[in-house]
Amino acid sequence: MTTLSAAHDWNGPGPWILLVPLVWIAVVSLVVLVLRRTARRRGCAAGRPEGPLAVLGRRYAEGDIEADEYRARHAVLTETGDTRPRKGGAA
């Protein structure tokens, strides 16, 4: 009387073992895709809007405004806004 164990009937992992690397490649690709999309979205919508000087420079570079208008607006944006006379200065 012989009993066959499961170990004697096993013929190896079978052809499905070829799918394991493909599943891992798909998982890694999906993670990379999600991370890249998330990073791209955060770069645009992370509460860091383009500053006024950057907008002005971009509009000048694109030709939307002329050099005179650029200089005038740049001067307005970069002035300190302090028009009070300074102590010790000529009044």
N, C-alpha and C. Protein backbone atom coordinates (compact mmCIF):
# COMPACT_ATOMS: atom_id res chain seq x y z
N MET A 1 0.82 -1.16 0.00
CA MET A 1 0.00 0.00 0.00
C MET A 1 0.89 1.25 0.00
N THR A 2 0.81 1.98 -1.05
CA THR A 2 1.61 3.19 -1.16
C THR A 2 0.69 4.39 -1.15
N THR A 3 1.12 5.41 -0.46
CA THR A 3 0.36 6.66 -0.45
C THR A 3 1.20 7.71 -1.17
N LEU A 4 0.56 8.40 -2.00
CA LEU A 4 1.25 9.47 -2.74
C LEU A 4 1.10 10.78 -1.97
N SER A 5 2.18 11.43 -1.78
CA SER A 5 2.12 12.74 -1.12
C SER A 5 2.04 13.82 -2.17
N ALA A 6 1.66 14.98 -1.74
CA ALA A 6 1.53 16.10 -2.66
C ALA A 6 2.89 16.50 -3.23
N ALA A 7 3.96 16.25 -2.52
CA ALA A 7 5.29 16.62 -2.99
C ALA A 7 5.71 15.79 -4.19
N HIS A 8 5.24 14.57 -4.29
CA HIS A 8 5.61 13.71 -5.42
C HIS A 8 4.87 14.09 -6.68
N ASP A 9 3.70 14.70 -6.55
CA ASP A 9 2.90 15.05 -7.71
C ASP A 9 3.22 16.44 -8.26
N TRP A 10 4.07 17.17 -7.60
CA TRP A 10 4.33 18.55 -7.98
C TRP A 10 5.30 18.58 -9.15
N ASN A 11 4.94 19.24 -10.23
CA ASN A 11 5.75 19.31 -11.44
C ASN A 11 6.37 20.69 -11.63
N GLY A 12 6.53 21.46 -10.61
CA GLY A 12 7.09 22.79 -10.73
C GLY A 12 6.01 23.85 -10.66
N PRO A 13 6.40 25.10 -10.76
CA PRO A 13 5.43 26.18 -10.58
C PRO A 13 4.46 26.33 -11.75
N GLY A 14 4.80 25.86 -12.88
CA GLY A 14 3.91 25.98 -14.02
C GLY A 14 4.14 27.27 -14.78
N PRO A 15 3.44 27.44 -15.87
CA PRO A 15 3.67 28.62 -16.72
C PRO A 15 3.20 29.93 -16.09
N TRP A 16 2.36 29.87 -15.08
CA TRP A 16 1.86 31.10 -14.47
C TRP A 16 2.97 31.88 -13.78
N ILE A 17 4.08 31.22 -13.48
CA ILE A 17 5.19 31.90 -12.82
C ILE A 17 5.75 33.02 -13.69
N LEU A 18 5.53 32.94 -14.99
CA LEU A 18 6.01 33.99 -15.90
C LEU A 18 5.22 35.29 -15.72
N LEU A 19 4.05 35.21 -15.14
CA LEU A 19 3.23 36.41 -14.94
C LEU A 19 3.68 37.23 -13.74
N VAL A 20 4.40 36.63 -12.81
CA VAL A 20 4.81 37.35 -11.60
C VAL A 20 5.66 38.59 -11.93
N PRO A 21 6.70 38.47 -12.78
CA PRO A 21 7.45 39.69 -13.12
C PRO A 21 6.60 40.73 -13.84
N LEU A 22 5.66 40.28 -14.65
CA LEU A 22 4.79 41.24 -15.35
C LEU A 22 3.89 41.99 -14.36
N VAL A 23 3.43 41.30 -13.34
CA VAL A 23 2.60 41.96 -12.33
C VAL A 23 3.43 43.00 -11.59
N TRP A 24 4.67 42.66 -11.22
CA TRP A 24 5.52 43.63 -10.52
C TRP A 24 5.86 44.83 -11.40
N ILE A 25 6.10 44.58 -12.66
CA ILE A 25 6.37 45.70 -13.59
C ILE A 25 5.15 46.62 -13.67
N ALA A 26 3.96 46.02 -13.72
CA ALA A 26 2.74 46.83 -13.78
C ALA A 26 2.55 47.63 -12.49
N VAL A 27 2.83 47.03 -11.35
CA VAL A 27 2.66 47.73 -10.07
C VAL A 27 3.64 48.90 -9.97
N VAL A 28 4.90 48.67 -10.31
CA VAL A 28 5.91 49.73 -10.24
C VAL A 28 5.57 50.85 -11.22
N SER A 29 5.14 50.48 -12.42
CA SER A 29 4.77 51.50 -13.42
C SER A 29 3.61 52.34 -12.94
N LEU A 30 2.63 51.71 -12.32
CA LEU A 30 1.48 52.44 -11.81
C LEU A 30 1.87 53.40 -10.69
N VAL A 31 2.74 52.97 -9.80
CA VAL A 31 3.20 53.84 -8.71
C VAL A 31 3.96 55.04 -9.27
N VAL A 32 4.84 54.80 -10.23
CA VAL A 32 5.60 55.90 -10.84
C VAL A 32 4.66 56.88 -11.54
N LEU A 33 3.68 56.36 -12.26
CA LEU A 33 2.73 57.22 -12.95
C LEU A 33 1.94 58.09 -11.97
N VAL A 34 1.46 57.50 -10.89
CA VAL A 34 0.69 58.26 -9.90
C VAL A 34 1.56 59.32 -9.23
N LEU A 35 2.79 58.97 -8.88
CA LEU A 35 3.68 59.95 -8.24
C LEU A 35 4.03 61.10 -9.18
N ARG A 36 4.27 60.81 -10.44
CA ARG A 36 4.59 61.89 -11.39
C ARG A 36 3.41 62.82 -11.58
N ARG A 37 2.20 62.26 -11.69
CA ARG A 37 1.02 63.12 -11.86
C ARG A 37 0.77 63.96 -10.62
N THR A 38 0.95 63.37 -9.45
CA THR A 38 0.76 64.11 -8.21
C THR A 38 1.78 65.25 -8.09
N ALA A 39 3.02 64.96 -8.42
CA ALA A 39 4.06 66.00 -8.35
C ALA A 39 3.78 67.12 -9.34
N ARG A 40 3.31 66.77 -10.51
CA ARG A 40 3.01 67.79 -11.52
C ARG A 40 1.86 68.67 -11.06
N ARG A 41 0.85 68.07 -10.48
CA ARG A 41 -0.29 68.85 -9.99
C ARG A 41 0.08 69.74 -8.82
N ARG A 42 0.89 69.23 -7.93
CA ARG A 42 1.31 70.03 -6.78
C ARG A 42 2.17 71.20 -7.21
N GLY A 43 2.95 71.04 -8.24
CA GLY A 43 3.78 72.13 -8.73
C GLY A 43 2.96 73.29 -9.24
N CYS A 44 1.79 73.01 -9.78
CA CYS A 44 0.94 74.06 -10.32
C CYS A 44 -0.06 74.60 -9.30
N ALA A 45 -0.48 73.76 -8.37
CA ALA A 45 -1.56 74.16 -7.48
C ALA A 45 -1.17 74.04 -6.02
N ALA A 46 0.06 74.30 -5.69
CA ALA A 46 0.49 74.14 -4.31
C ALA A 46 0.43 75.47 -3.55
N GLY A 47 -0.37 76.41 -4.00
CA GLY A 47 -0.48 77.68 -3.31
C GLY A 47 0.68 78.61 -3.62
N ARG A 48 1.39 78.34 -4.70
CA ARG A 48 2.51 79.19 -5.09
C ARG A 48 2.19 79.84 -6.43
N PRO A 49 1.28 80.81 -6.43
CA PRO A 49 0.97 81.45 -7.70
C PRO A 49 2.16 82.26 -8.21
N GLU A 50 2.15 82.50 -9.48
CA GLU A 50 3.22 83.27 -10.10
C GLU A 50 3.15 84.70 -9.56
N GLY A 51 4.28 85.23 -9.13
CA GLY A 51 4.33 86.57 -8.57
C GLY A 51 4.16 87.64 -9.64
N PRO A 52 3.87 88.87 -9.23
CA PRO A 52 3.61 89.93 -10.20
C PRO A 52 4.83 90.26 -11.07
N LEU A 53 6.03 90.21 -10.50
CA LEU A 53 7.21 90.48 -11.31
C LEU A 53 7.45 89.37 -12.33
N ALA A 54 7.15 88.12 -11.94
CA ALA A 54 7.30 87.01 -12.87
C ALA A 54 6.29 87.12 -14.01
N VAL A 55 5.07 87.53 -13.68
CA VAL A 55 4.05 87.71 -14.72
C VAL A 55 4.47 88.83 -15.66
N LEU A 56 4.96 89.92 -15.08
CA LEU A 56 5.41 91.05 -15.90
C LEU A 56 6.55 90.63 -16.83
N GLY A 57 7.53 89.91 -16.29
CA GLY A 57 8.64 89.45 -17.11
C GLY A 57 8.20 88.50 -18.20
N ARG A 58 7.27 87.61 -17.88
CA ARG A 58 6.76 86.67 -18.89
C ARG A 58 6.01 87.41 -20.00
N ARG A 59 5.18 88.39 -19.61
CA ARG A 59 4.44 89.15 -20.63
C ARG A 59 5.38 89.93 -21.53
N TYR A 60 6.46 90.48 -20.95
CA TYR A 60 7.44 91.21 -21.75
C TYR A 60 8.18 90.25 -22.69
N ALA A 61 8.55 89.09 -22.17
CA ALA A 61 9.26 88.11 -22.99
C ALA A 61 8.39 87.59 -24.13
N GLU A 62 7.10 87.48 -23.89
CA GLU A 62 6.19 86.99 -24.93
C GLU A 62 5.80 88.08 -25.92
N GLY A 63 6.18 89.33 -25.63
CA GLY A 63 5.88 90.43 -26.54
C GLY A 63 4.52 91.06 -26.32
N ASP A 64 3.88 90.76 -25.20
CA ASP A 64 2.56 91.34 -24.91
C ASP A 64 2.66 92.82 -24.58
N ILE A 65 3.78 93.24 -24.00
CA ILE A 65 3.96 94.64 -23.64
C ILE A 65 5.30 95.13 -24.19
N GLU A 66 5.38 96.42 -24.39
CA GLU A 66 6.60 97.04 -24.91
C GLU A 66 7.59 97.32 -23.78
N ALA A 67 8.80 97.69 -24.15
CA ALA A 67 9.86 97.93 -23.17
C ALA A 67 9.51 99.10 -22.24
N ASP A 68 8.93 100.18 -22.79
CA ASP A 68 8.57 101.34 -21.95
C ASP A 68 7.53 100.95 -20.90
N GLU A 69 6.52 100.21 -21.32
CA GLU A 69 5.49 99.79 -20.39
C GLU A 69 6.08 98.83 -19.34
N TYR A 70 6.97 97.96 -19.77
CA TYR A 70 7.63 97.04 -18.84
C TYR A 70 8.39 97.81 -17.77
N ARG A 71 9.20 98.80 -18.21
CA ARG A 71 9.99 99.58 -17.25
C ARG A 71 9.11 100.34 -16.28
N ALA A 72 8.03 100.93 -16.79
CA ALA A 72 7.12 101.70 -15.92
C ALA A 72 6.45 100.81 -14.89
N ARG A 73 5.96 99.67 -15.33
CA ARG A 73 5.29 98.76 -14.39
C ARG A 73 6.28 98.13 -13.42
N HIS A 74 7.48 97.85 -13.89
CA HIS A 74 8.51 97.29 -13.02
C HIS A 74 8.87 98.30 -11.93
N ALA A 75 8.95 99.57 -12.29
CA ALA A 75 9.27 100.61 -11.31
C ALA A 75 8.17 100.70 -10.26
N VAL A 76 6.92 100.60 -10.69
CA VAL A 76 5.81 100.67 -9.74
C VAL A 76 5.84 99.46 -8.81
N LEU A 77 6.10 98.30 -9.34
CA LEU A 77 6.10 97.08 -8.52
C LEU A 77 7.27 97.02 -7.55
N THR A 78 8.39 97.63 -7.91
CA THR A 78 9.57 97.53 -7.05
C THR A 78 9.78 98.73 -6.14
N GLU A 79 8.94 99.77 -6.23
CA GLU A 79 9.11 100.91 -5.34
C GLU A 79 8.70 100.51 -3.94
N THR A 80 9.31 101.17 -2.96
CA THR A 80 9.08 100.80 -1.56
C THR A 80 7.75 101.31 -1.04
N GLY A 81 7.22 102.35 -1.60
CA GLY A 81 5.94 102.89 -1.17
C GLY A 81 6.05 103.82 0.02
N ASP A 82 7.25 104.03 0.53
CA ASP A 82 7.47 104.91 1.68
C ASP A 82 7.76 106.31 1.16
N THR A 83 6.75 107.19 1.20
CA THR A 83 6.92 108.55 0.66
C THR A 83 7.10 109.58 1.77
N ARG A 84 7.17 109.13 3.03
CA ARG A 84 7.35 110.07 4.13
C ARG A 84 8.80 110.59 4.13
N PRO A 85 8.97 111.87 4.53
CA PRO A 85 10.34 112.39 4.61
C PRO A 85 11.10 111.68 5.72
N ARG A 86 12.36 111.45 5.49
CA ARG A 86 13.19 110.74 6.45
C ARG A 86 13.74 111.70 7.48
N LYS A 87 13.99 111.20 8.68
CA LYS A 87 14.56 112.03 9.73
C LYS A 87 15.99 112.41 9.37
N GLY A 88 16.30 113.65 9.60
CA GLY A 88 17.65 114.13 9.35
C GLY A 88 17.87 114.54 7.90
N GLY A 89 16.90 114.32 7.06
CA GLY A 89 17.05 114.69 5.65
C GLY A 89 16.53 116.09 5.42
N ALA A 90 16.77 116.62 4.26
CA ALA A 90 16.27 117.94 3.91
C ALA A 90 14.77 117.86 3.68
N ALA A 91 14.09 118.82 4.25
CA ALA A 91 12.63 118.80 4.13
C ALA A 91 12.16 119.60 2.98
